[in-house]
């Protein structure tokens, strides 16, 4: 966490948040992670079910194994559905880290509690990422990790029960470089009835 940051508005945080793909080796402390998790659970939740549960990984050897497992799964026929980097030479590079060098991975998981659990978990993810930015930290959702996080052996290692699903893997850390702003299209309004 960056010391003595001036407060920023919610809109400033939304407009400044970027997917960071280069992190320093600085580790996020436990207190800061707990602050981010408390912000995450203040997200809207359908029928107030709060279906989320969290896994925090800060073990660099485990992060390396998860990255390697995700790259290997991307090369399988089953990995075709998560082809974000399929066909990329990065997959063959043993040094390529899908977590971009971040020392903290937060996995937001969904308990089987209804039809809206995935949406609820992504709302929690957005809260976590905005809160991280307000604390001077960088984040990046890592959807490429989902096949590895669904692997039964990986779930056992991470303490994810069989009926719980990893939904939103997000790396958190100190940015090694600030990503350039990206443009967004104006909102497409399909209809506006008065």
N, C-alpha and C. Protein backbone atom coordinates (compact mmCIF):
# COMPACT_ATOMS: atom_id res chain seq x y z
N UNK A 1 0.84 -1.17 0.00
CA UNK A 1 0.00 0.00 0.00
C UNK A 1 0.89 1.24 0.00
N UNK A 2 0.52 2.21 -0.80
CA UNK A 2 1.28 3.45 -0.89
C UNK A 2 0.89 4.36 0.28
N UNK A 3 1.87 4.92 0.98
CA UNK A 3 1.55 5.76 2.14
C UNK A 3 1.00 7.13 1.72
N UNK A 4 0.15 7.70 2.58
CA UNK A 4 -0.31 9.08 2.44
C UNK A 4 -0.87 9.42 1.06
N UNK A 5 -1.72 8.57 0.55
CA UNK A 5 -2.36 8.87 -0.72
C UNK A 5 -3.52 9.81 -0.51
N UNK A 6 -3.66 10.80 -1.38
CA UNK A 6 -4.84 11.66 -1.26
C UNK A 6 -6.09 10.86 -1.61
N UNK A 7 -7.19 11.16 -0.96
CA UNK A 7 -8.42 10.43 -1.29
C UNK A 7 -8.84 10.73 -2.73
N UNK A 8 -9.47 9.75 -3.36
CA UNK A 8 -9.99 9.95 -4.70
C UNK A 8 -11.47 9.60 -4.72
N UNK A 9 -12.17 10.21 -5.64
CA UNK A 9 -13.60 9.94 -5.73
C UNK A 9 -13.83 8.58 -6.38
N UNK A 10 -15.03 8.07 -6.19
CA UNK A 10 -15.39 6.79 -6.81
C UNK A 10 -15.26 6.87 -8.32
N UNK A 11 -15.72 7.97 -8.92
CA UNK A 11 -15.61 8.11 -10.38
C UNK A 11 -14.17 8.16 -10.83
N UNK A 12 -13.31 8.87 -10.09
CA UNK A 12 -11.88 8.89 -10.45
C UNK A 12 -11.30 7.49 -10.39
N UNK A 13 -11.65 6.73 -9.37
CA UNK A 13 -11.14 5.36 -9.24
C UNK A 13 -11.60 4.50 -10.42
N UNK A 14 -12.87 4.63 -10.79
CA UNK A 14 -13.38 3.85 -11.92
C UNK A 14 -12.64 4.20 -13.20
N UNK A 15 -12.44 5.49 -13.45
CA UNK A 15 -11.79 5.91 -14.69
C UNK A 15 -10.28 5.64 -14.70
N UNK A 16 -9.66 5.55 -13.53
CA UNK A 16 -8.21 5.33 -13.47
C UNK A 16 -7.81 3.86 -13.37
N UNK A 17 -8.75 2.97 -13.04
CA UNK A 17 -8.40 1.56 -12.88
C UNK A 17 -7.96 0.99 -14.22
N UNK A 18 -6.87 0.23 -14.20
CA UNK A 18 -6.31 -0.41 -15.39
C UNK A 18 -5.96 -1.86 -15.06
N UNK A 19 -5.93 -2.70 -16.08
CA UNK A 19 -5.41 -4.06 -15.92
C UNK A 19 -3.89 -3.95 -16.03
N UNK A 20 -3.22 -4.18 -14.93
CA UNK A 20 -1.76 -4.05 -14.87
C UNK A 20 -1.13 -5.41 -15.16
N UNK A 21 -0.12 -5.39 -16.01
CA UNK A 21 0.54 -6.65 -16.39
C UNK A 21 2.04 -6.63 -16.12
N UNK A 22 2.45 -5.82 -15.15
CA UNK A 22 3.85 -5.79 -14.71
C UNK A 22 3.85 -5.32 -13.25
N UNK A 23 4.32 -6.20 -12.37
CA UNK A 23 4.30 -5.92 -10.94
C UNK A 23 5.70 -5.98 -10.36
N UNK A 24 5.92 -5.22 -9.28
CA UNK A 24 7.18 -5.32 -8.55
C UNK A 24 7.12 -6.58 -7.68
N UNK A 25 8.20 -6.88 -7.01
CA UNK A 25 8.23 -8.06 -6.13
C UNK A 25 7.67 -7.76 -4.74
N UNK A 26 7.30 -6.51 -4.49
CA UNK A 26 6.76 -6.13 -3.18
C UNK A 26 5.48 -6.91 -2.88
N UNK A 27 5.43 -7.48 -1.69
CA UNK A 27 4.27 -8.29 -1.29
C UNK A 27 3.25 -7.42 -0.57
N UNK A 28 1.97 -7.64 -0.86
CA UNK A 28 0.89 -6.92 -0.19
C UNK A 28 0.72 -7.53 1.20
N UNK A 29 0.66 -6.68 2.23
CA UNK A 29 0.58 -7.19 3.60
C UNK A 29 -0.82 -7.72 3.92
N UNK A 30 -0.89 -8.55 4.95
CA UNK A 30 -2.13 -9.21 5.34
C UNK A 30 -3.24 -8.21 5.66
N UNK A 31 -2.93 -7.16 6.36
CA UNK A 31 -3.92 -6.16 6.74
C UNK A 31 -4.56 -5.52 5.50
N UNK A 32 -3.75 -5.23 4.50
CA UNK A 32 -4.27 -4.62 3.28
C UNK A 32 -5.16 -5.61 2.52
N UNK A 33 -4.75 -6.87 2.46
CA UNK A 33 -5.58 -7.89 1.81
C UNK A 33 -6.93 -7.99 2.53
N UNK A 34 -6.90 -7.98 3.85
CA UNK A 34 -8.15 -8.05 4.61
C UNK A 34 -9.03 -6.83 4.33
N UNK A 35 -8.43 -5.66 4.16
CA UNK A 35 -9.19 -4.46 3.80
C UNK A 35 -9.86 -4.64 2.44
N UNK A 36 -9.12 -5.21 1.49
CA UNK A 36 -9.68 -5.44 0.15
C UNK A 36 -10.82 -6.45 0.20
N UNK A 37 -10.67 -7.48 1.00
CA UNK A 37 -11.73 -8.48 1.10
C UNK A 37 -12.98 -7.90 1.77
N UNK A 38 -12.78 -7.04 2.75
CA UNK A 38 -13.95 -6.38 3.37
C UNK A 38 -14.66 -5.49 2.36
N UNK A 39 -13.90 -4.81 1.50
CA UNK A 39 -14.53 -4.00 0.46
C UNK A 39 -15.28 -4.90 -0.53
N UNK A 40 -14.71 -6.03 -0.86
CA UNK A 40 -15.34 -6.95 -1.81
C UNK A 40 -16.70 -7.41 -1.31
N UNK A 41 -16.81 -7.74 -0.03
CA UNK A 41 -18.07 -8.29 0.48
C UNK A 41 -19.14 -7.23 0.69
N UNK A 42 -18.81 -5.98 0.41
CA UNK A 42 -19.82 -4.92 0.45
C UNK A 42 -20.46 -4.72 -0.93
N UNK A 43 -20.20 -5.62 -1.85
CA UNK A 43 -20.82 -5.55 -3.17
C UNK A 43 -22.29 -5.91 -3.07
N UNK A 44 -23.08 -5.46 -4.05
CA UNK A 44 -24.47 -5.91 -4.09
C UNK A 44 -24.52 -7.43 -4.23
N UNK A 45 -25.55 -8.03 -3.68
CA UNK A 45 -25.69 -9.48 -3.76
C UNK A 45 -27.17 -9.84 -3.87
N UNK A 46 -27.50 -10.65 -4.84
CA UNK A 46 -28.89 -11.05 -5.07
C UNK A 46 -29.44 -11.74 -3.84
N UNK A 47 -30.60 -11.32 -3.42
CA UNK A 47 -31.31 -11.90 -2.27
C UNK A 47 -30.44 -11.94 -1.02
N UNK A 48 -29.43 -11.10 -0.97
CA UNK A 48 -28.50 -11.01 0.15
C UNK A 48 -27.89 -12.37 0.52
N UNK A 49 -27.61 -13.18 -0.50
CA UNK A 49 -27.05 -14.51 -0.25
C UNK A 49 -25.56 -14.48 0.07
N UNK A 50 -24.84 -13.46 -0.41
CA UNK A 50 -23.39 -13.37 -0.20
C UNK A 50 -22.72 -14.71 -0.51
N UNK A 51 -22.75 -15.14 -1.79
CA UNK A 51 -22.28 -16.48 -2.14
C UNK A 51 -20.77 -16.61 -2.29
N UNK A 52 -20.04 -15.58 -2.00
CA UNK A 52 -18.60 -15.58 -2.26
C UNK A 52 -17.79 -16.20 -1.13
N UNK A 53 -16.65 -16.71 -1.52
CA UNK A 53 -15.62 -17.19 -0.60
C UNK A 53 -14.30 -16.88 -1.29
N UNK A 54 -13.23 -16.78 -0.53
CA UNK A 54 -11.98 -16.28 -1.08
C UNK A 54 -10.82 -17.23 -0.82
N UNK A 55 -9.92 -17.27 -1.76
CA UNK A 55 -8.64 -17.95 -1.60
C UNK A 55 -7.57 -16.89 -1.87
N UNK A 56 -6.60 -16.80 -0.99
CA UNK A 56 -5.48 -15.87 -1.17
C UNK A 56 -4.22 -16.70 -1.29
N UNK A 57 -3.48 -16.48 -2.36
CA UNK A 57 -2.22 -17.21 -2.58
C UNK A 57 -1.09 -16.18 -2.66
N UNK A 58 -0.12 -16.32 -1.75
CA UNK A 58 1.07 -15.47 -1.77
C UNK A 58 2.35 -16.32 -1.79
N UNK A 59 2.19 -17.60 -1.97
CA UNK A 59 3.32 -18.53 -2.06
C UNK A 59 3.81 -18.51 -3.52
N UNK A 60 5.00 -17.98 -3.72
CA UNK A 60 5.52 -17.81 -5.10
C UNK A 60 5.67 -19.16 -5.82
N UNK A 61 6.06 -20.20 -5.11
CA UNK A 61 6.21 -21.51 -5.75
C UNK A 61 4.85 -22.03 -6.21
N UNK A 62 3.82 -21.82 -5.39
CA UNK A 62 2.48 -22.24 -5.77
C UNK A 62 1.97 -21.40 -6.94
N UNK A 63 2.23 -20.10 -6.93
CA UNK A 63 1.82 -19.27 -8.07
C UNK A 63 2.49 -19.74 -9.35
N UNK A 64 3.74 -20.15 -9.27
CA UNK A 64 4.45 -20.66 -10.45
C UNK A 64 3.79 -21.95 -10.94
N UNK A 65 3.46 -22.86 -10.01
CA UNK A 65 2.80 -24.11 -10.41
C UNK A 65 1.44 -23.84 -11.05
N UNK A 66 0.68 -22.90 -10.48
CA UNK A 66 -0.62 -22.56 -11.06
C UNK A 66 -0.47 -21.96 -12.45
N UNK A 67 0.51 -21.11 -12.63
CA UNK A 67 0.77 -20.52 -13.95
C UNK A 67 1.14 -21.61 -14.95
N UNK A 68 2.03 -22.50 -14.54
CA UNK A 68 2.45 -23.59 -15.44
C UNK A 68 1.27 -24.50 -15.78
N UNK A 69 0.42 -24.77 -14.79
CA UNK A 69 -0.75 -25.64 -15.03
C UNK A 69 -1.72 -24.97 -16.00
N UNK A 70 -1.95 -23.69 -15.84
CA UNK A 70 -2.85 -22.96 -16.75
C UNK A 70 -2.31 -22.97 -18.17
N UNK A 71 -1.00 -22.79 -18.33
CA UNK A 71 -0.41 -22.81 -19.68
C UNK A 71 -0.55 -24.20 -20.29
N UNK A 72 -0.31 -25.24 -19.50
CA UNK A 72 -0.42 -26.61 -20.02
C UNK A 72 -1.86 -26.92 -20.43
N UNK A 73 -2.83 -26.50 -19.61
CA UNK A 73 -4.23 -26.77 -19.93
C UNK A 73 -4.69 -26.03 -21.18
N UNK A 74 -4.09 -24.89 -21.46
CA UNK A 74 -4.48 -24.13 -22.65
C UNK A 74 -4.13 -24.88 -23.93
N UNK A 75 -3.21 -25.80 -23.83
CA UNK A 75 -2.79 -26.55 -25.02
C UNK A 75 -3.62 -27.81 -25.25
N UNK A 76 -4.54 -28.12 -24.33
CA UNK A 76 -5.37 -29.30 -24.47
C UNK A 76 -6.64 -28.95 -25.24
N UNK A 77 -7.33 -29.97 -25.79
CA UNK A 77 -8.61 -29.68 -26.46
C UNK A 77 -9.62 -29.01 -25.52
N UNK A 78 -9.63 -29.41 -24.24
CA UNK A 78 -10.54 -28.78 -23.27
C UNK A 78 -10.21 -27.31 -23.08
N UNK A 79 -8.94 -26.97 -23.25
CA UNK A 79 -8.52 -25.58 -23.08
C UNK A 79 -9.00 -24.67 -24.19
N UNK A 80 -9.58 -25.24 -25.23
CA UNK A 80 -10.03 -24.43 -26.37
C UNK A 80 -11.06 -23.39 -25.96
N UNK A 81 -11.82 -23.67 -24.91
CA UNK A 81 -12.84 -22.72 -24.49
C UNK A 81 -12.25 -21.51 -23.78
N UNK A 82 -11.02 -21.59 -23.34
CA UNK A 82 -10.34 -20.47 -22.66
C UNK A 82 -9.07 -20.13 -23.43
N UNK A 83 -9.21 -19.78 -24.67
CA UNK A 83 -8.06 -19.62 -25.54
C UNK A 83 -7.43 -18.24 -25.55
N UNK A 84 -7.56 -17.48 -24.52
CA UNK A 84 -7.01 -16.13 -24.53
C UNK A 84 -5.62 -16.03 -25.10
N UNK A 85 -4.74 -16.95 -24.75
CA UNK A 85 -3.36 -16.91 -25.24
C UNK A 85 -3.02 -18.11 -26.11
N UNK A 86 -4.01 -18.94 -26.43
CA UNK A 86 -3.72 -20.16 -27.19
C UNK A 86 -3.04 -19.79 -28.49
N UNK A 87 -2.06 -20.58 -28.84
CA UNK A 87 -1.31 -20.33 -30.05
C UNK A 87 -0.19 -19.31 -29.85
N UNK A 88 -0.15 -18.69 -28.69
CA UNK A 88 0.87 -17.69 -28.42
C UNK A 88 2.18 -18.38 -28.06
N UNK A 89 3.31 -17.83 -28.54
CA UNK A 89 4.60 -18.40 -28.14
C UNK A 89 4.85 -18.26 -26.63
N UNK A 90 4.10 -17.39 -25.97
CA UNK A 90 4.26 -17.24 -24.52
C UNK A 90 3.98 -18.54 -23.79
N UNK A 91 3.05 -19.34 -24.32
CA UNK A 91 2.70 -20.60 -23.65
C UNK A 91 3.88 -21.56 -23.59
N UNK A 92 4.75 -21.50 -24.57
CA UNK A 92 5.90 -22.40 -24.60
C UNK A 92 7.08 -21.85 -23.80
N UNK A 93 6.99 -20.61 -23.36
CA UNK A 93 8.08 -19.98 -22.63
C UNK A 93 7.97 -20.34 -21.14
N UNK A 94 8.89 -21.15 -20.62
CA UNK A 94 8.81 -21.54 -19.21
C UNK A 94 8.87 -20.35 -18.26
N UNK A 95 9.44 -19.24 -18.70
CA UNK A 95 9.56 -18.06 -17.83
C UNK A 95 8.29 -17.22 -17.83
N UNK A 96 7.38 -17.44 -18.79
CA UNK A 96 6.18 -16.61 -18.85
C UNK A 96 5.27 -16.93 -17.67
N UNK A 97 4.86 -15.89 -16.98
CA UNK A 97 4.03 -16.01 -15.78
C UNK A 97 2.67 -15.37 -16.07
N UNK A 98 1.62 -16.16 -16.06
CA UNK A 98 0.29 -15.62 -16.35
C UNK A 98 -0.14 -14.61 -15.29
N UNK A 99 0.53 -14.60 -14.13
CA UNK A 99 0.20 -13.67 -13.07
C UNK A 99 1.05 -12.40 -13.11
N UNK A 100 1.87 -12.26 -14.13
CA UNK A 100 2.63 -11.03 -14.41
C UNK A 100 3.54 -10.60 -13.27
N UNK A 101 4.04 -11.56 -12.50
CA UNK A 101 4.99 -11.24 -11.43
C UNK A 101 4.36 -10.77 -10.14
N UNK A 102 3.04 -10.66 -10.09
CA UNK A 102 2.38 -10.23 -8.85
C UNK A 102 2.59 -11.30 -7.78
N UNK A 103 2.73 -10.85 -6.55
CA UNK A 103 2.95 -11.78 -5.44
C UNK A 103 1.69 -12.19 -4.71
N UNK A 104 0.54 -11.65 -5.14
CA UNK A 104 -0.72 -11.99 -4.48
C UNK A 104 -1.78 -12.31 -5.52
N UNK A 105 -2.40 -13.45 -5.36
CA UNK A 105 -3.55 -13.84 -6.16
C UNK A 105 -4.73 -13.98 -5.21
N UNK A 106 -5.82 -13.28 -5.52
CA UNK A 106 -7.07 -13.43 -4.77
C UNK A 106 -8.05 -14.10 -5.73
N UNK A 107 -8.56 -15.24 -5.32
CA UNK A 107 -9.55 -15.96 -6.13
C UNK A 107 -10.90 -15.81 -5.45
N UNK A 108 -11.82 -15.18 -6.16
CA UNK A 108 -13.17 -15.06 -5.64
C UNK A 108 -13.95 -16.25 -6.16
N UNK A 109 -14.48 -17.02 -5.24
CA UNK A 109 -15.18 -18.26 -5.56
C UNK A 109 -16.67 -18.12 -5.26
N UNK A 110 -17.47 -18.90 -5.99
CA UNK A 110 -18.92 -18.88 -5.81
C UNK A 110 -19.40 -20.18 -5.19
N UNK A 111 -20.14 -20.04 -4.09
CA UNK A 111 -20.81 -21.20 -3.51
C UNK A 111 -22.08 -21.46 -4.31
N UNK A 112 -22.54 -22.70 -4.39
CA UNK A 112 -23.74 -23.01 -5.19
C UNK A 112 -25.01 -22.58 -4.46
N UNK A 113 -25.34 -21.30 -4.59
CA UNK A 113 -26.44 -20.75 -3.81
C UNK A 113 -27.53 -20.10 -4.67
N UNK A 114 -27.53 -20.33 -5.98
CA UNK A 114 -28.58 -19.72 -6.79
C UNK A 114 -28.08 -19.30 -8.15
N UNK A 115 -28.96 -18.66 -8.89
CA UNK A 115 -28.69 -18.32 -10.28
C UNK A 115 -27.77 -17.13 -10.47
N UNK A 116 -27.57 -16.32 -9.45
CA UNK A 116 -26.86 -15.06 -9.63
C UNK A 116 -25.49 -15.03 -8.96
N UNK A 117 -24.98 -16.19 -8.56
CA UNK A 117 -23.73 -16.21 -7.79
C UNK A 117 -22.54 -15.70 -8.59
N UNK A 118 -22.49 -15.99 -9.88
CA UNK A 118 -21.36 -15.52 -10.70
C UNK A 118 -21.40 -14.00 -10.80
N UNK A 119 -22.58 -13.45 -11.04
CA UNK A 119 -22.71 -11.99 -11.10
C UNK A 119 -22.31 -11.37 -9.77
N UNK A 120 -22.76 -11.95 -8.68
CA UNK A 120 -22.40 -11.43 -7.35
C UNK A 120 -20.88 -11.43 -7.16
N UNK A 121 -20.22 -12.49 -7.58
CA UNK A 121 -18.77 -12.59 -7.41
C UNK A 121 -18.04 -11.56 -8.26
N UNK A 122 -18.54 -11.28 -9.45
CA UNK A 122 -17.90 -10.26 -10.29
C UNK A 122 -18.15 -8.86 -9.73
N UNK A 123 -19.29 -8.65 -9.09
CA UNK A 123 -19.51 -7.37 -8.42
C UNK A 123 -18.51 -7.21 -7.26
N UNK A 124 -18.28 -8.29 -6.53
CA UNK A 124 -17.28 -8.26 -5.45
C UNK A 124 -15.88 -8.00 -6.03
N UNK A 125 -15.61 -8.58 -7.19
CA UNK A 125 -14.31 -8.37 -7.83
C UNK A 125 -14.09 -6.90 -8.18
N UNK A 126 -15.13 -6.27 -8.72
CA UNK A 126 -15.01 -4.85 -9.06
C UNK A 126 -14.76 -4.02 -7.81
N UNK A 127 -15.48 -4.32 -6.72
CA UNK A 127 -15.23 -3.60 -5.47
C UNK A 127 -13.77 -3.77 -5.04
N UNK A 128 -13.27 -5.00 -5.10
CA UNK A 128 -11.89 -5.27 -4.69
C UNK A 128 -10.90 -4.48 -5.55
N UNK A 129 -11.11 -4.46 -6.86
CA UNK A 129 -10.17 -3.76 -7.75
C UNK A 129 -10.21 -2.25 -7.54
N UNK A 130 -11.39 -1.68 -7.34
CA UNK A 130 -11.50 -0.24 -7.10
C UNK A 130 -10.88 0.11 -5.74
N UNK A 131 -11.13 -0.72 -4.74
CA UNK A 131 -10.53 -0.49 -3.42
C UNK A 131 -9.00 -0.56 -3.51
N UNK A 132 -8.49 -1.52 -4.27
CA UNK A 132 -7.03 -1.64 -4.42
C UNK A 132 -6.45 -0.38 -5.05
N UNK A 133 -7.10 0.13 -6.08
CA UNK A 133 -6.61 1.35 -6.72
C UNK A 133 -6.59 2.50 -5.72
N UNK A 134 -7.64 2.60 -4.90
CA UNK A 134 -7.69 3.70 -3.93
C UNK A 134 -6.58 3.60 -2.89
N UNK A 135 -6.02 2.39 -2.72
CA UNK A 135 -4.91 2.19 -1.79
C UNK A 135 -3.55 2.25 -2.49
N UNK A 136 -3.54 2.61 -3.76
CA UNK A 136 -2.28 2.72 -4.50
C UNK A 136 -1.78 1.41 -5.07
N UNK A 137 -2.64 0.41 -5.13
CA UNK A 137 -2.25 -0.90 -5.64
C UNK A 137 -2.82 -1.11 -7.04
N UNK A 138 -2.23 -2.06 -7.73
CA UNK A 138 -2.66 -2.41 -9.08
C UNK A 138 -3.28 -3.80 -9.06
N UNK A 139 -4.15 -4.06 -10.04
CA UNK A 139 -4.82 -5.35 -10.14
C UNK A 139 -4.92 -5.76 -11.60
N UNK A 140 -5.21 -7.05 -11.79
CA UNK A 140 -5.52 -7.56 -13.12
C UNK A 140 -6.33 -8.84 -12.96
N UNK A 141 -7.52 -8.90 -13.56
CA UNK A 141 -8.24 -10.18 -13.56
C UNK A 141 -7.51 -11.16 -14.48
N UNK A 142 -7.40 -12.41 -14.05
CA UNK A 142 -6.64 -13.41 -14.81
C UNK A 142 -7.57 -14.56 -15.17
N UNK A 143 -8.45 -14.34 -16.14
CA UNK A 143 -9.38 -15.37 -16.56
C UNK A 143 -8.68 -16.61 -17.09
N UNK A 144 -7.49 -16.43 -17.61
CA UNK A 144 -6.69 -17.53 -18.14
C UNK A 144 -6.40 -18.59 -17.07
N UNK A 145 -6.49 -18.22 -15.79
CA UNK A 145 -6.22 -19.16 -14.70
C UNK A 145 -7.40 -20.07 -14.39
N UNK A 146 -8.59 -19.76 -14.91
CA UNK A 146 -9.79 -20.51 -14.51
C UNK A 146 -9.72 -22.01 -14.78
N UNK A 147 -9.24 -22.47 -15.94
CA UNK A 147 -9.17 -23.93 -16.12
C UNK A 147 -8.29 -24.62 -15.06
N UNK A 148 -7.18 -24.00 -14.70
CA UNK A 148 -6.32 -24.59 -13.67
C UNK A 148 -7.03 -24.59 -12.31
N UNK A 149 -7.76 -23.52 -12.03
CA UNK A 149 -8.46 -23.41 -10.75
C UNK A 149 -9.66 -24.35 -10.67
N UNK A 150 -10.09 -24.89 -11.80
CA UNK A 150 -11.18 -25.88 -11.81
C UNK A 150 -10.67 -27.31 -11.72
N UNK A 151 -9.36 -27.49 -11.85
CA UNK A 151 -8.76 -28.81 -11.77
C UNK A 151 -8.97 -29.37 -10.36
N UNK A 152 -9.54 -30.59 -10.23
CA UNK A 152 -9.82 -31.14 -8.88
C UNK A 152 -8.61 -31.18 -7.96
N UNK A 153 -7.43 -31.50 -8.49
CA UNK A 153 -6.24 -31.55 -7.65
C UNK A 153 -5.86 -30.16 -7.15
N UNK A 154 -5.98 -29.17 -8.02
CA UNK A 154 -5.68 -27.79 -7.63
C UNK A 154 -6.68 -27.31 -6.59
N UNK A 155 -7.96 -27.65 -6.79
CA UNK A 155 -8.97 -27.25 -5.82
C UNK A 155 -8.66 -27.82 -4.44
N UNK A 156 -8.23 -29.08 -4.39
CA UNK A 156 -7.87 -29.68 -3.10
C UNK A 156 -6.70 -28.90 -2.48
N UNK A 157 -5.67 -28.62 -3.29
CA UNK A 157 -4.50 -27.92 -2.77
C UNK A 157 -4.86 -26.53 -2.24
N UNK A 158 -5.82 -25.87 -2.89
CA UNK A 158 -6.19 -24.51 -2.48
C UNK A 158 -7.31 -24.49 -1.44
N UNK A 159 -7.85 -25.66 -1.09
CA UNK A 159 -8.91 -25.70 -0.10
C UNK A 159 -10.27 -25.27 -0.64
N UNK A 160 -10.47 -25.41 -1.95
CA UNK A 160 -11.75 -25.06 -2.57
C UNK A 160 -12.61 -26.32 -2.58
N UNK A 161 -13.74 -26.31 -1.90
CA UNK A 161 -14.62 -27.50 -1.89
C UNK A 161 -15.07 -27.87 -3.30
N UNK A 162 -15.38 -29.15 -3.55
CA UNK A 162 -15.76 -29.60 -4.89
C UNK A 162 -16.95 -28.85 -5.49
N UNK A 163 -17.90 -28.42 -4.66
CA UNK A 163 -19.09 -27.75 -5.19
C UNK A 163 -18.94 -26.24 -5.31
N UNK A 164 -17.78 -25.72 -5.00
CA UNK A 164 -17.49 -24.29 -5.09
C UNK A 164 -16.68 -24.04 -6.36
N UNK A 165 -16.99 -22.94 -7.05
CA UNK A 165 -16.38 -22.64 -8.35
C UNK A 165 -15.55 -21.37 -8.28
N UNK A 166 -14.32 -21.43 -8.75
CA UNK A 166 -13.50 -20.23 -8.90
C UNK A 166 -14.10 -19.39 -10.02
N UNK A 167 -14.38 -18.13 -9.73
CA UNK A 167 -15.03 -17.25 -10.69
C UNK A 167 -14.11 -16.11 -11.14
N UNK A 168 -13.45 -15.46 -10.19
CA UNK A 168 -12.70 -14.25 -10.51
C UNK A 168 -11.31 -14.28 -9.87
N UNK A 169 -10.31 -14.78 -10.62
CA UNK A 169 -8.94 -14.72 -10.12
C UNK A 169 -8.37 -13.33 -10.42
N UNK A 170 -7.87 -12.66 -9.39
CA UNK A 170 -7.35 -11.30 -9.56
C UNK A 170 -5.99 -11.21 -8.88
N UNK A 171 -4.99 -10.73 -9.62
CA UNK A 171 -3.70 -10.48 -8.99
C UNK A 171 -3.70 -9.05 -8.46
N UNK A 172 -2.99 -8.88 -7.34
CA UNK A 172 -2.92 -7.60 -6.65
C UNK A 172 -1.46 -7.35 -6.29
N UNK A 173 -1.02 -6.13 -6.49
CA UNK A 173 0.35 -5.80 -6.10
C UNK A 173 0.68 -4.35 -6.43
N UNK A 174 1.97 -4.07 -6.39
CA UNK A 174 2.47 -2.74 -6.73
C UNK A 174 2.88 -2.77 -8.20
N UNK A 175 2.36 -1.84 -8.96
CA UNK A 175 2.65 -1.79 -10.40
C UNK A 175 4.12 -1.47 -10.63
N UNK A 176 4.73 -2.22 -11.54
CA UNK A 176 6.10 -1.91 -11.96
C UNK A 176 6.08 -0.81 -13.02
N UNK A 177 4.97 -0.68 -13.70
CA UNK A 177 4.79 0.39 -14.69
C UNK A 177 3.30 0.71 -14.74
N UNK A 178 3.00 1.93 -15.07
CA UNK A 178 1.60 2.34 -15.14
C UNK A 178 1.09 2.12 -16.56
N UNK A 179 0.06 1.31 -16.72
CA UNK A 179 -0.49 1.10 -18.06
C UNK A 179 -1.07 2.40 -18.62
N UNK A 180 -0.93 2.55 -19.91
CA UNK A 180 -1.49 3.73 -20.58
C UNK A 180 -3.01 3.66 -20.55
N UNK A 181 -3.65 4.82 -20.51
CA UNK A 181 -5.12 4.81 -20.58
C UNK A 181 -5.59 4.20 -21.89
N UNK A 182 -6.73 3.56 -21.83
CA UNK A 182 -7.33 3.01 -23.04
C UNK A 182 -8.64 3.73 -23.29
N UNK A 183 -9.00 3.80 -24.54
CA UNK A 183 -10.26 4.46 -24.85
C UNK A 183 -11.41 3.47 -24.69
N UNK A 184 -12.57 3.99 -24.53
CA UNK A 184 -13.79 3.19 -24.46
C UNK A 184 -14.80 3.81 -25.42
N UNK A 185 -15.59 2.97 -26.04
CA UNK A 185 -16.68 3.47 -26.87
C UNK A 185 -17.73 4.12 -25.98
N UNK A 186 -18.46 5.03 -26.55
CA UNK A 186 -19.59 5.60 -25.82
C UNK A 186 -20.61 4.50 -25.55
N UNK A 187 -21.41 4.65 -24.51
CA UNK A 187 -22.42 3.63 -24.22
C UNK A 187 -23.37 3.46 -25.40
N UNK A 188 -23.65 2.23 -25.74
CA UNK A 188 -24.61 1.94 -26.79
C UNK A 188 -25.98 1.81 -26.13
N UNK A 189 -26.83 2.77 -26.39
CA UNK A 189 -28.17 2.79 -25.78
C UNK A 189 -29.14 2.19 -26.79
N UNK A 190 -29.62 1.03 -26.48
CA UNK A 190 -30.55 0.34 -27.39
C UNK A 190 -31.92 1.00 -27.39
N UNK A 191 -32.30 1.55 -26.26
CA UNK A 191 -33.59 2.22 -26.22
C UNK A 191 -33.63 3.05 -24.97
N UNK A 192 -34.39 4.12 -25.02
CA UNK A 192 -34.55 5.02 -23.86
C UNK A 192 -35.97 5.51 -23.94
N UNK A 193 -36.82 4.89 -23.20
CA UNK A 193 -38.25 5.20 -23.29
C UNK A 193 -38.65 6.12 -22.15
N UNK A 194 -39.40 7.15 -22.52
CA UNK A 194 -39.89 8.11 -21.51
C UNK A 194 -41.38 8.07 -21.48
